[in-house]
Every structure is written in C-alpha cells, then in structure tokens.
PDB file of N, CA and C in Angstrom:
ATOM      1  N   UNK A   1       0.837  -1.181  -0.078  1.00  0.00           N
ATOM      2  CA  UNK A   1       0.033   0.105   0.078  1.00  0.00           C
ATOM      3  C   UNK A   1       0.999   1.308   0.067  1.00  0.00           C
ATOM      4  N   UNK A   2       0.530   2.260  -0.938  1.00  0.00           N
ATOM      5  CA  UNK A   2       1.373   3.408  -0.979  1.00  0.00           C
ATOM      6  C   UNK A   2       0.867   4.522  -0.027  1.00  0.00           C
ATOM      7  N   UNK A   3       1.874   5.246   0.558  1.00  0.00           N
ATOM      8  CA  UNK A   3       1.287   6.144   1.247  1.00  0.00           C
ATOM      9  C   UNK A   3       1.226   7.487   0.090  1.00  0.00           C
ATOM     10  N   UNK A   4       0.711   8.636   0.880  1.00  0.00           N
ATOM     11  CA  UNK A   4       0.770   9.913  -0.177  1.00  0.00           C
ATOM     12  C   UNK A   4       2.320  10.307  -0.208  1.00  0.00           C
ATOM     13  N   UNK A   5       2.943  10.187   0.494  1.00  0.00           N
ATOM     14  CA  UNK A   5       4.463  10.538   0.604  1.00  0.00           C
ATOM     15  C   UNK A   5       5.043   9.980  -0.627  1.00  0.00           C
ATOM     16  N   UNK A   6       4.668   8.541  -0.735  1.00  0.00           N
ATOM     17  CA  UNK A   6       5.253   7.668  -2.253  1.00  0.00           C
ATOM     18  C   UNK A   6       4.847   8.350  -3.414  1.00  0.00           C
ATOM     19  N   UNK A   7       3.820   8.806  -3.675  1.00  0.00           N
ATOM     20  CA  UNK A   7       3.433   9.379  -4.956  1.00  0.00           C
ATOM     21  C   UNK A   7       4.437  10.660  -4.980  1.00  0.00           C
ATOM     22  N   UNK A   8       4.397  11.786  -3.823  1.00  0.00           N
ATOM     23  CA  UNK A   8       5.268  12.810  -4.065  1.00  0.00           C
ATOM     24  C   UNK A   8       6.604  12.210  -4.457  1.00  0.00           C
ATOM     25  N   UNK A   9       7.191  11.053  -3.824  1.00  0.00           N
ATOM     26  CA  UNK A   9       8.610  10.852  -4.056  1.00  0.00           C
ATOM     27  C   UNK A   9       8.761  10.088  -5.530  1.00  0.00           C
ATOM     28  N   UNK A  10       7.544   9.531  -5.944  1.00  0.00           N
ATOM     29  CA  UNK A  10       7.583   9.176  -7.572  1.00  0.00           C
ATOM     30  C   UNK A  10       7.663  10.537  -8.658  1.00  0.00           C
ATOM     31  N   UNK A  11       7.141  11.512  -8.226  1.00  0.00           N
ATOM     32  CA  UNK A  11       6.982  12.681  -8.781  1.00  0.00           C
ATOM     33  C   UNK A  11       8.457  13.075  -8.719  1.00  0.00           C
ATOM     34  N   UNK A  12       9.302  13.157  -7.796  1.00  0.00           N
ATOM     35  CA  UNK A  12      10.622  14.045  -7.482  1.00  0.00           C
ATOM     36  C   UNK A  12      11.429  13.016  -8.607  1.00  0.00           C
ATOM     37  N   UNK A  13      11.325  11.581  -8.159  1.00  0.00           N
ATOM     38  CA  UNK A  13      12.114  10.759  -9.224  1.00  0.00           C
ATOM     39  C   UNK A  13      11.996  10.872 -10.590  1.00  0.00           C
ATOM     40  N   UNK A  14      10.845  11.331 -11.018  1.00  0.00           N
ATOM     41  CA  UNK A  14      10.564  11.302 -12.399  1.00  0.00           C
ATOM     42  C   UNK A  14      11.132  12.730 -12.986  1.00  0.00           C
ATOM     43  N   UNK A  15      10.909  13.723 -12.144  1.00  0.00           N
ATOM     44  CA  UNK A  15      11.736  14.955 -12.229  1.00  0.00           C
ATOM     45  C   UNK A  15      13.251  14.591 -12.498  1.00  0.00           C
ATOM     46  N   UNK A  16      13.876  14.216 -11.515  1.00  0.00           N
ATOM     47  CA  UNK A  16      15.341  13.910 -11.732  1.00  0.00           C
ATOM     48  C   UNK A  16      15.450  12.858 -12.967  1.00  0.00           C
ATOM     49  N   UNK A  17      15.008  12.128 -13.154  1.00  0.00           N
ATOM     50  CA  UNK A  17      14.868  11.082 -14.320  1.00  0.00           C
ATOM     51  C   UNK A  17      14.892  11.913 -15.688  1.00  0.00           C
ATOM     52  N   UNK A  18      13.961  12.655 -15.695  1.00  0.00           N
ATOM     53  CA  UNK A  18      13.826  13.628 -17.125  1.00  0.00           C
ATOM     54  C   UNK A  18      14.995  14.291 -17.162  1.00  0.00           C
ATOM     55  N   UNK A  19      15.197  14.920 -16.108  1.00  0.00           N
ATOM     56  CA  UNK A  19      16.400  15.709 -16.067  1.00  0.00           C
ATOM     57  C   UNK A  19      17.578  15.294 -16.739  1.00  0.00           C
ATOM     58  N   UNK A  20      17.886  14.226 -15.999  1.00  0.00           N
ATOM     59  CA  UNK A  20      19.108  13.526 -16.514  1.00  0.00           C
ATOM     60  C   UNK A  20      19.257  12.837 -18.124  1.00  0.00           C
ATOM     61  N   UNK A  21      17.925  12.317 -18.205  1.00  0.00           N
ATOM     62  CA  UNK A  21      17.794  12.058 -19.569  1.00  0.00           C
ATOM     63  C   UNK A  21      18.110  13.071 -20.667  1.00  0.00           C
ATOM     64  N   UNK A  22      17.527  14.233 -20.273  1.00  0.00           N
ATOM     65  CA  UNK A  22      17.843  15.520 -21.196  1.00  0.00           C
ATOM     66  C   UNK A  22      19.289  16.093 -20.963  1.00  0.00           C
ATOM     67  N   UNK A  23      19.951  15.155 -20.483  1.00  0.00           N
ATOM     68  CA  UNK A  23      21.715  15.723 -20.123  1.00  0.00           C
ATOM     69  C   UNK A  23      21.586  17.188 -19.320  1.00  0.00           C
ATOM     70  N   UNK A  24      20.620  17.243 -18.558  1.00  0.00           N
ATOM     71  CA  UNK A  24      20.524  18.765 -17.705  1.00  0.00           C
ATOM     72  C   UNK A  24      21.160  18.674 -16.315  1.00  0.00           C
ATOM     73  N   UNK A  25      21.708  19.802 -15.837  1.00  0.00           N
ATOM     74  CA  UNK A  25      22.044  19.561 -14.368  1.00  0.00           C
ATOM     75  C   UNK A  25      21.361  20.092 -13.506  1.00  0.00           C
ATOM     76  N   UNK A  26      21.221  19.697 -12.338  1.00  0.00           N
ATOM     77  CA  UNK A  26      20.321  20.607 -10.983  1.00  0.00           C
ATOM     78  C   UNK A  26      20.759  22.106 -11.414  1.00  0.00           C
ATOM     79  N   UNK A  27      22.001  22.346 -11.582  1.00  0.00           N
ATOM     80  CA  UNK A  27      22.121  23.870 -11.918  1.00  0.00           C
ATOM     81  C   UNK A  27      21.400  24.587 -13.176  1.00  0.00           C
ATOM     82  N   UNK A  28      21.113  23.703 -14.127  1.00  0.00           N
ATOM     83  CA  UNK A  28      20.573  24.089 -14.986  1.00  0.00           C
ATOM     84  C   UNK A  28      18.861  24.532 -14.725  1.00  0.00           C
ATOM     85  N   UNK A  29      18.494  23.602 -14.017  1.00  0.00           N
ATOM     86  CA  UNK A  29      17.268  23.667 -13.896  1.00  0.00           C
ATOM     87  C   UNK A  29      16.853  24.885 -12.679  1.00  0.00           C
ATOM     88  N   UNK A  30      17.799  25.033 -11.702  1.00  0.00           N
ATOM     89  CA  UNK A  30      18.007  26.128 -11.026  1.00  0.00           C
ATOM     90  C   UNK A  30      18.022  27.177 -11.242  1.00  0.00           C
ATOM     91  N   UNK A  31      18.644  27.551 -12.354  1.00  0.00           N
ATOM     92  CA  UNK A  31      18.758  28.718 -12.811  1.00  0.00           C
ATOM     93  C   UNK A  31      17.533  29.092 -13.735  1.00  0.00           C
ATOM     94  N   UNK A  32      16.886  28.074 -14.487  1.00  0.00           N
ATOM     95  CA  UNK A  32      15.656  28.518 -15.187  1.00  0.00           C
ATOM     96  C   UNK A  32      14.534  28.783 -14.156  1.00  0.00           C
ATOM     97  N   UNK A  33      14.677  28.243 -12.962  1.00  0.00           N
ATOM     98  CA  UNK A  33      13.316  28.622 -12.171  1.00  0.00           C
ATOM     99  C   UNK A  33      13.924  29.691 -11.138  1.00  0.00           C
ATOM    100  N   UNK A  34      14.766  30.349 -11.083  1.00  0.00           N
ATOM    101  CA  UNK A  34      15.247  31.353 -10.473  1.00  0.00           C
ATOM    102  C   UNK A  34      15.534  30.975  -8.745  1.00  0.00           C
ATOM    103  N   UNK A  35      16.398  29.893  -8.928  1.00  0.00           N
ATOM    104  CA  UNK A  35      16.918  29.410  -7.292  1.00  0.00           C
ATOM    105  C   UNK A  35      18.411  28.931  -7.732  1.00  0.00           C
ATOM    106  N   UNK A  36      18.907  28.872  -6.309  1.00  0.00           N
ATOM    107  CA  UNK A  36      20.301  28.176  -6.309  1.00  0.00           C
ATOM    108  C   UNK A  36      20.101  26.755  -6.539  1.00  0.00           C
ATOM    109  N   UNK A  37      21.391  26.246  -6.891  1.00  0.00           N
ATOM    110  CA  UNK A  37      21.470  24.649  -7.035  1.00  0.00           C
ATOM    111  C   UNK A  37      21.129  23.734  -5.852  1.00  0.00           C
ATOM    112  N   UNK A  38      21.591  24.536  -4.718  1.00  0.00           N
ATOM    113  CA  UNK A  38      21.323  23.878  -3.314  1.00  0.00           C
ATOM    114  C   UNK A  38      20.148  23.701  -2.905  1.00  0.00           C
ATOM    115  N   UNK A  39      19.053  24.935  -3.293  1.00  0.00           N
ATOM    116  CA  UNK A  39      17.712  24.632  -3.053  1.00  0.00           C
ATOM    117  C   UNK A  39      17.191  23.746  -3.874  1.00  0.00           C
ATOM    118  N   UNK A  40      17.522  23.888  -5.235  1.00  0.00           N
ATOM    119  CA  UNK A  40      16.619  22.953  -5.832  1.00  0.00           C
ATOM    120  C   UNK A  40      16.932  21.271  -5.944  1.00  0.00           C
ATOM    121  N   UNK A  41      18.496  21.126  -5.046  1.00  0.00           N
ATOM    122  CA  UNK A  41      18.539  19.855  -4.948  1.00  0.00           C
ATOM    123  C   UNK A  41      17.566  19.258  -3.784  1.00  0.00           C
ATOM    124  N   UNK A  42      17.354  20.228  -2.826  1.00  0.00           N
ATOM    125  CA  UNK A  42      16.826  19.783  -1.902  1.00  0.00           C
ATOM    126  C   UNK A  42      15.272  19.449  -2.217  1.00  0.00           C
ATOM    127  N   UNK A  43      14.747  20.017  -3.271  1.00  0.00           N
ATOM    128  CA  UNK A  43      13.614  19.737  -3.830  1.00  0.00           C
ATOM    129  C   UNK A  43      13.673  18.525  -4.178  1.00  0.00           C
ATOM    130  N   UNK A  44      14.529  18.114  -5.234  1.00  0.00           N
ATOM    131  CA  UNK A  44      14.649  16.792  -5.838  1.00  0.00           C
ATOM    132  C   UNK A  44      14.785  15.431  -4.610  1.00  0.00           C
ATOM    133  N   UNK A  45      15.350  15.950  -3.479  1.00  0.00           N
ATOM    134  CA  UNK A  45      15.599  14.741  -2.353  1.00  0.00           C
ATOM    135  C   UNK A  45      14.325  14.831  -1.527  1.00  0.00           C
ATOM    136  N   UNK A  46      13.195  15.923  -1.748  1.00  0.00           N
ATOM    137  CA  UNK A  46      11.985  15.756  -1.236  1.00  0.00           C
ATOM    138  C   UNK A  46      12.240  16.300   0.472  1.00  0.00           C
ATOM    139  N   UNK A  47      13.390  17.151   0.246  1.00  0.00           N
ATOM    140  CA  UNK A  47      13.446  17.788   1.898  1.00  0.00           C
ATOM    141  C   UNK A  47      12.979  18.929   1.703  1.00  0.00           C
ATOM    142  N   UNK A  48      12.469  19.691   0.458  1.00  0.00           N
ATOM    143  CA  UNK A  48      12.205  21.074   0.578  1.00  0.00           C
ATOM    144  C   UNK A  48      10.760  20.861  -0.300  1.00  0.00           C
ATOM    145  N   UNK A  49       9.655  21.714  -0.165  1.00  0.00           N
ATOM    146  CA  UNK A  49       8.214  21.794  -0.428  1.00  0.00           C
ATOM    147  C   UNK A  49       8.214  22.112  -2.103  1.00  0.00           C
ATOM    148  N   UNK A  50       7.580  21.401  -2.757  1.00  0.00           N
ATOM    149  CA  UNK A  50       7.229  21.622  -4.056  1.00  0.00           C
ATOM    150  C   UNK A  50       6.093  21.978  -4.361  1.00  0.00           C
ATOM    151  N   UNK A  51       5.415  23.054  -4.645  1.00  0.00           N
ATOM    152  CA  UNK A  51       4.092  23.638  -4.936  1.00  0.00           C
ATOM    153  C   UNK A  51       3.714  23.526  -6.591  1.00  0.00           C
ATOM    154  N   UNK A  52       2.600  23.714  -6.837  1.00  0.00           N
ATOM    155  CA  UNK A  52       2.200  23.547  -8.213  1.00  0.00           C
ATOM    156  C   UNK A  52       2.816  24.433  -9.103  1.00  0.00           C
ATOM    157  N   UNK A  53       2.986  25.808  -8.450  1.00  0.00           N
ATOM    158  CA  UNK A  53       3.520  27.028  -9.363  1.00  0.00           C
ATOM    159  C   UNK A  53       5.064  26.584  -9.680  1.00  0.00           C
ATOM    160  N   UNK A  54       5.600  25.923  -8.801  1.00  0.00           N
ATOM    161  CA  UNK A  54       7.151  25.359  -8.932  1.00  0.00           C
ATOM    162  C   UNK A  54       7.396  24.064  -9.898  1.00  0.00           C
ATOM    163  N   UNK A  55       6.559  23.334  -9.641  1.00  0.00           N
ATOM    164  CA  UNK A  55       6.353  22.386 -10.377  1.00  0.00           C
ATOM    165  C   UNK A  55       5.946  22.519 -11.704  1.00  0.00           C
ATOM    166  N   UNK A  56       5.395  23.769 -12.399  1.00  0.00           N
ATOM    167  CA  UNK A  56       5.092  24.013 -13.531  1.00  0.00           C
ATOM    168  C   UNK A  56       6.380  24.566 -14.053  1.00  0.00           C
ATOM    169  N   UNK A  57       7.160  25.351 -13.238  1.00  0.00           N
ATOM    170  CA  UNK A  57       8.161  26.101 -13.991  1.00  0.00           C
ATOM    171  C   UNK A  57       9.326  24.987 -14.171  1.00  0.00           C
ATOM    172  N   UNK A  58       9.447  24.045 -13.325  1.00  0.00           N
ATOM    173  CA  UNK A  58      10.284  22.869 -13.636  1.00  0.00           C
ATOM    174  C   UNK A  58      10.193  22.107 -14.777  1.00  0.00           C
ATOM    175  N   UNK A  59       8.751  21.868 -15.178  1.00  0.00           N
ATOM    176  CA  UNK A  59       8.169  21.554 -16.406  1.00  0.00           C
ATOM    177  C   UNK A  59       8.695  22.057 -17.414  1.00  0.00           C
ATOM    178  N   UNK A  60       8.386  23.389 -17.334  1.00  0.00           N
ATOM    179  CA  UNK A  60       8.668  24.352 -18.607  1.00  0.00           C
ATOM    180  C   UNK A  60      10.421  24.485 -18.903  1.00  0.00           C
ATOM    181  N   UNK A  61      11.126  24.381 -17.687  1.00  0.00           N
ATOM    182  CA  UNK A  61      12.351  24.325 -17.862  1.00  0.00           C
ATOM    183  C   UNK A  61      13.016  22.758 -18.430  1.00  0.00           C
ATOM    184  N   UNK A  62      12.515  21.957 -18.235  1.00  0.00           N
ATOM    185  CA  UNK A  62      12.772  20.511 -18.885  1.00  0.00           C
ATOM    186  C   UNK A  62      11.949  20.629 -20.289  1.00  0.00           C
ATOM    187  N   UNK A  63      11.299  21.419 -20.675  1.00  0.00           N
ATOM    188  CA  UNK A  63      10.611  21.374 -21.918  1.00  0.00           C
ATOM    189  C   UNK A  63       9.569  19.971 -22.094  1.00  0.00           C
ATOM    190  N   UNK A  64       8.910  19.860 -20.789  1.00  0.00           N
ATOM    191  CA  UNK A  64       7.902  18.779 -20.972  1.00  0.00           C
ATOM    192  C   UNK A  64       6.523  19.485 -19.991  1.00  0.00           C
ATOM    193  N   UNK A  65       5.355  18.793 -20.161  1.00  0.00           N
ATOM    194  CA  UNK A  65       4.467  19.277 -19.557  1.00  0.00           C
ATOM    195  C   UNK A  65       4.124  18.490 -18.019  1.00  0.00           C
ATOM    196  N   UNK A  66       3.626  19.152 -17.315  1.00  0.00           N
ATOM    197  CA  UNK A  66       3.451  18.363 -15.826  1.00  0.00           C
ATOM    198  C   UNK A  66       2.967  17.147 -15.875  1.00  0.00           C
ATOM    199  N   UNK A  67       1.869  16.931 -16.943  1.00  0.00           N
ATOM    200  CA  UNK A  67       1.286  15.929 -17.001  1.00  0.00           C
ATOM    201  C   UNK A  67       2.526  14.707 -17.509  1.00  0.00           C
ATOM    202  N   UNK A  68       3.096  15.082 -18.190  1.00  0.00           N
ATOM    203  CA  UNK A  68       4.428  14.082 -18.711  1.00  0.00           C
ATOM    204  C   UNK A  68       5.231  13.725 -17.473  1.00  0.00           C
ATOM    205  N   UNK A  69       5.491  14.812 -16.642  1.00  0.00           N
ATOM    206  CA  UNK A  69       6.345  14.231 -15.490  1.00  0.00           C
ATOM    207  C   UNK A  69       5.626  13.257 -14.458  1.00  0.00           C
ATOM    208  N   UNK A  70       4.317  13.479 -14.385  1.00  0.00           N
ATOM    209  CA  UNK A  70       3.739  12.693 -13.522  1.00  0.00           C
ATOM    210  C   UNK A  70       3.413  11.174 -14.115  1.00  0.00           C
ATOM    211  N   UNK A  71       3.341  11.019 -15.367  1.00  0.00           N
ATOM    212  CA  UNK A  71       3.094   9.743 -16.277  1.00  0.00           C
ATOM    213  C   UNK A  71       4.440   8.973 -16.702  1.00  0.00           C
ATOM    214  N   UNK A  72       5.843   9.701 -16.449  1.00  0.00           N
ATOM    215  CA  UNK A  72       6.938   9.307 -17.013  1.00  0.00           C
ATOM    216  C   UNK A  72       7.171   8.220 -16.767  1.00  0.00           C
ATOM    217  N   UNK A  73       7.041   7.584 -15.503  1.00  0.00           N
ATOM    218  CA  UNK A  73       7.609   5.984 -15.375  1.00  0.00           C
ATOM    219  C   UNK A  73       6.655   5.292 -15.962  1.00  0.00           C
ATOM    220  N   UNK A  74       5.530   5.609 -16.102  1.00  0.00           N
ATOM    221  CA  UNK A  74       4.327   4.688 -16.814  1.00  0.00           C
ATOM    222  C   UNK A  74       4.590   4.732 -18.338  1.00  0.00           C
ATOM    223  N   UNK A  75       5.201   5.452 -19.003  1.00  0.00           N
ATOM    224  CA  UNK A  75       5.517   5.975 -20.425  1.00  0.00           C
ATOM    225  C   UNK A  75       6.678   4.977 -20.459  1.00  0.00           C
ATOM    226  N   UNK A  76       7.495   4.961 -19.646  1.00  0.00           N
ATOM    227  CA  UNK A  76       8.890   4.337 -19.731  1.00  0.00           C
ATOM    228  C   UNK A  76       8.842   2.593 -19.718  1.00  0.00           C
ATOM    229  N   UNK A  77       7.539   2.354 -19.001  1.00  0.00           N
ATOM    230  CA  UNK A  77       7.266   0.678 -18.923  1.00  0.00           C
ATOM    231  C   UNK A  77       6.781   0.288 -20.235  1.00  0.00           C
ATOM    232  N   UNK A  78       6.211   1.096 -20.967  1.00  0.00           N
ATOM    233  CA  UNK A  78       5.736   0.582 -22.240  1.00  0.00           C
ATOM    234  C   UNK A  78       6.754  -0.078 -23.226  1.00  0.00           C
ATOM    235  N   UNK A  79       6.338  -1.112 -23.943  1.00  0.00           N
ATOM    236  CA  UNK A  79       7.164  -1.956 -25.109  1.00  0.00           C
ATOM    237  C   UNK A  79       7.788  -0.962 -25.819  1.00  0.00           C
ATOM    238  N   UNK A  80       8.980  -1.066 -26.393  1.00  0.00           N
ATOM    239  CA  UNK A  80       9.233  -0.159 -27.743  1.00  0.00           C
ATOM    240  C   UNK A  80       8.552  -0.603 -28.850  1.00  0.00           C
ATOM    241  N   UNK A  81       8.288   0.107 -29.638  1.00  0.00           N
ATOM    242  CA  UNK A  81       7.773  -0.226 -31.101  1.00  0.00           C
ATOM    243  C   UNK A  81       8.688   0.246 -32.151  1.00  0.00           C
ATOM    244  N   UNK A  82       8.640  -1.266 -33.114  1.00  0.00           N
ATOM    245  CA  UNK A  82       9.642  -1.244 -33.891  1.00  0.00           C
ATOM    246  C   UNK A  82       8.975  -0.829 -35.475  1.00  0.00           C
ATOM    247  N   UNK A  83       9.220  -0.196 -36.476  1.00  0.00           N
ATOM    248  CA  UNK A  83       8.342  -0.261 -37.305  1.00  0.00           C
ATOM    249  C   UNK A  83       9.285  -0.284 -38.234  1.00  0.00           C
ATOM    250  N   UNK A  84       8.776  -0.953 -39.574  1.00  0.00           N
ATOM    251  CA  UNK A  84       9.528  -0.959 -40.787  1.00  0.00           C
ATOM    252  C   UNK A  84       8.553  -0.237 -42.107  1.00  0.00           C
ATOM    253  N   UNK A  85       9.048   0.774 -42.628  1.00  0.00           N
ATOM    254  CA  UNK A  85       8.309   1.121 -43.589  1.00  0.00           C
ATOM    255  C   UNK A  85       9.103   1.077 -45.177  1.00  0.00           C
ATOM    256  N   UNK A  86       8.117   0.398 -45.790  1.00  0.00           N
ATOM    257  CA  UNK A  86       8.808   0.169 -47.305  1.00  0.00           C
ATOM    258  C   UNK A  86       7.841   0.649 -48.278  1.00  0.00           C
ATOM    259  N   UNK A  87       8.262   1.464 -49.218  1.00  0.00           N
ATOM    260  CA  UNK A  87       7.278   2.205 -50.007  1.00  0.00           C
ATOM    261  C   UNK A  87       8.200   1.975 -51.283  1.00  0.00           C
ATOM    262  N   UNK A  88       7.377   1.911 -52.156  1.00  0.00           N
ATOM    263  CA  UNK A  88       8.092   1.519 -53.689  1.00  0.00           C
ATOM    264  C   UNK A  88       7.741   2.808 -54.456  1.00  0.00           C
ATOM    265  N   UNK A  89       8.788   3.749 -54.764  1.00  0.00           N
ATOM    266  CA  UNK A  89       8.746   5.003 -55.762  1.00  0.00           C
ATOM    267  C   UNK A  89       9.154   5.137 -57.069  1.00  0.00           C
ATOM    268  N   UNK A  90       8.487   6.010 -57.904  1.00  0.00           N
ATOM    269  CA  UNK A  90       9.269   6.371 -58.979  1.00  0.00           C
ATOM    270  C   UNK A  90      10.208   7.106 -58.793  1.00  0.00           C
ATOM    271  N   UNK A  91      11.302   6.813 -59.449  1.00  0.00           N
ATOM    272  CA  UNK A  91      12.622   7.679 -59.244  1.00  0.00           C
ATOM    273  C   UNK A  91      12.377   9.207 -59.036  1.00  0.00           C
ATOM    274  N   UNK A  92      11.332   9.995 -59.825  1.00  0.00           N
ATOM    275  CA  UNK A  92      11.100  11.152 -59.818  1.00  0.00           C
ATOM    276  C   UNK A  92      10.717  11.582 -58.611  1.00  0.00           C
ATOM    277  N   UNK A  93       9.750  10.639 -57.932  1.00  0.00           N
ATOM    278  CA  UNK A  93       9.063  11.203 -56.421  1.00  0.00           C
ATOM    279  C   UNK A  93      10.136  10.843 -55.240  1.00  0.00           C
ATOM    280  N   UNK A  94      10.981  10.263 -55.436  1.00  0.00           N
ATOM    281  CA  UNK A  94      11.836   9.603 -54.438  1.00  0.00           C
ATOM    282  C   UNK A  94      12.588  10.367 -53.527  1.00  0.00           C
ATOM    283  N   UNK A  95      12.874  11.409 -54.424  1.00  0.00           N
ATOM    284  CA  UNK A  95      13.811  12.451 -53.772  1.00  0.00           C
ATOM    285  C   UNK A  95      12.707  13.439 -52.984  1.00  0.00           C
ATOM    286  N   UNK A  96      11.727  13.681 -53.471  1.00  0.00           N
ATOM    287  CA  UNK A  96      10.639  14.539 -52.557  1.00  0.00           C
ATOM    288  C   UNK A  96      10.194  14.061 -51.371  1.00  0.00           C
ATOM    289  N   UNK A  97       9.943  12.484 -51.380  1.00  0.00           N
ATOM    290  CA  UNK A  97       9.574  11.783 -50.356  1.00  0.00           C
ATOM    291  C   UNK A  97      10.460  11.826 -49.193  1.00  0.00           C
ATOM    292  N   UNK A  98      11.619  11.375 -49.585  1.00  0.00           N
ATOM    293  CA  UNK A  98      13.040  11.384 -48.594  1.00  0.00           C
ATOM    294  C   UNK A  98      12.970  12.635 -48.058  1.00  0.00           C
ATOM    295  N   UNK A  99      12.863  13.877 -48.629  1.00  0.00           N
ATOM    296  CA  UNK A  99      13.040  15.362 -48.052  1.00  0.00           C
ATOM    297  C   UNK A  99      11.962  15.331 -46.652  1.00  0.00           C
ATOM    298  N   UNK A 100      10.672  14.897 -47.267  1.00  0.00           N
ATOM    299  CA  UNK A 100       9.675  14.802 -46.118  1.00  0.00           C
ATOM    300  C   UNK A 100       9.917  14.098 -45.099  1.00  0.00           C
ATOM    301  N   UNK A 101      10.384  12.790 -45.354  1.00  0.00           N
ATOM    302  CA  UNK A 101      10.571  12.131 -44.209  1.00  0.00           C
ATOM    303  C   UNK A 101      11.742  12.207 -43.230  1.00  0.00           C
ATOM    304  N   UNK A 102      13.083  12.773 -43.980  1.00  0.00           N
ATOM    305  CA  UNK A 102      13.996  12.657 -43.294  1.00  0.00           C
ATOM    306  C   UNK A 102      14.641  13.924 -43.608  1.00  0.00           C
ATOM    307  N   UNK A 103      15.847  14.641 -42.834  1.00  0.00           N
ATOM    308  CA  UNK A 103      16.295  15.695 -42.887  1.00  0.00           C
ATOM    309  C   UNK A 103      17.389  15.428 -43.881  1.00  0.00           C
ATOM    310  N   UNK A 104      17.986  16.661 -44.299  1.00  0.00           N
ATOM    311  CA  UNK A 104      19.144  16.428 -45.202  1.00  0.00           C
ATOM    312  C   UNK A 104      20.145  16.032 -45.087  1.00  0.00           C
ATOM    313  N   UNK A 105      20.718  15.599 -43.763  1.00  0.00           N
ATOM    314  CA  UNK A 105      22.038  14.687 -43.328  1.00  0.00           C
ATOM    315  C   UNK A 105      21.550  13.176 -43.552  1.00  0.00           C
ATOM    316  N   UNK A 106      20.504  12.876 -43.123  1.00  0.00           N
ATOM    317  CA  UNK A 106      19.915  11.468 -43.491  1.00  0.00           C
ATOM    318  C   UNK A 106      19.650  11.108 -44.649  1.00  0.00           C
ATOM    319  N   UNK A 107      19.518  12.005 -45.812  1.00  0.00           N
ATOM    320  CA  UNK A 107      19.248  11.804 -46.862  1.00  0.00           C
ATOM    321  C   UNK A 107      20.775  11.480 -47.519  1.00  0.00           C
ATOM    322  N   UNK A 108      21.685  12.196 -47.213  1.00  0.00           N
ATOM    323  CA  UNK A 108      22.813  12.127 -47.765  1.00  0.00           C
ATOM    324  C   UNK A 108      23.368  10.633 -47.060  1.00  0.00           C
ATOM    325  N   UNK A 109      23.263  10.301 -46.044  1.00  0.00           N
ATOM    326  CA  UNK A 109      23.794   8.898 -45.545  1.00  0.00           C
ATOM    327  C   UNK A 109      23.084   7.756 -46.294  1.00  0.00           C
ATOM    328  N   UNK A 110      21.549   7.923 -46.520  1.00  0.00           N
ATOM    329  CA  UNK A 110      20.860   6.860 -47.471  1.00  0.00           C
ATOM    330  C   UNK A 110      21.214   6.740 -48.822  1.00  0.00           C
ATOM    331  N   UNK A 111      21.838   7.678 -49.343  1.00  0.00           N
ATOM    332  CA  UNK A 111      22.277   7.976 -50.782  1.00  0.00           C
ATOM    333  C   UNK A 111      23.512   7.315 -51.083  1.00  0.00           C
ATOM    334  N   UNK A 112      23.970   7.001 -49.815  1.00  0.00           N
ATOM    335  CA  UNK A 112      25.809   6.510 -49.967  1.00  0.00           C
ATOM    336  C   UNK A 112      25.955   5.106 -50.136  1.00  0.00           C
TER     337      UNK A 112
END
C-alpha cells in the first residue's frame, strides 16, 4: 500500500530522471526557475516543498508538461515499438518523399 508521500517521491524521481535523460544538471534547472542549485537539490531529495507553481516552472525548464512528469514512469514501462516502412516510388518522386521523411543529413547517408 502506497502512502501519500510515496506519490510525491515518485514525482521527484520522475523529475530527476527526465532531467538526467535530457542531459541537464540541477544547476541548469535551478537557474531556469530562479533559485540556487542547493535549493533545487533539496526539492529533488524531497527535503523542500514543491508547490504546483514551482512544478510548472520545472516542467517548462525541462521542456515537458506537468502531465508528462507525472506519467513518466508509466511511459517508460511501455514496450518499444519497431516499425519498418517500405515504399516503392518512381525515381522522380523518391527525392521529394525522402525530403519529407528525413532531414538533409539523413538523405546524404541513405544515398551512400
């Protein structure tokens, strides 16, 4: 049985995991929300309160929504999807379709 504080702990774990996945430091997020790294560290550890306004600022600094933070672990548990796309094209439309699907660097790699 989970206690109320367990949900808060999960939220803080999600924030830290997303931050690390994006290659951001605690200092990066602290700067973005207008606080010192030491204060931000206390938030991630659960030793300092996190209200909705601060959560929203952290989400914005991470470039994600609050909902994404809340559901982060659930999203990570889903099985990865592998998709193979095969399209037969006339030579005159091939380059146009490749430009729509891939960026310029990817097209150069595919043409090698």
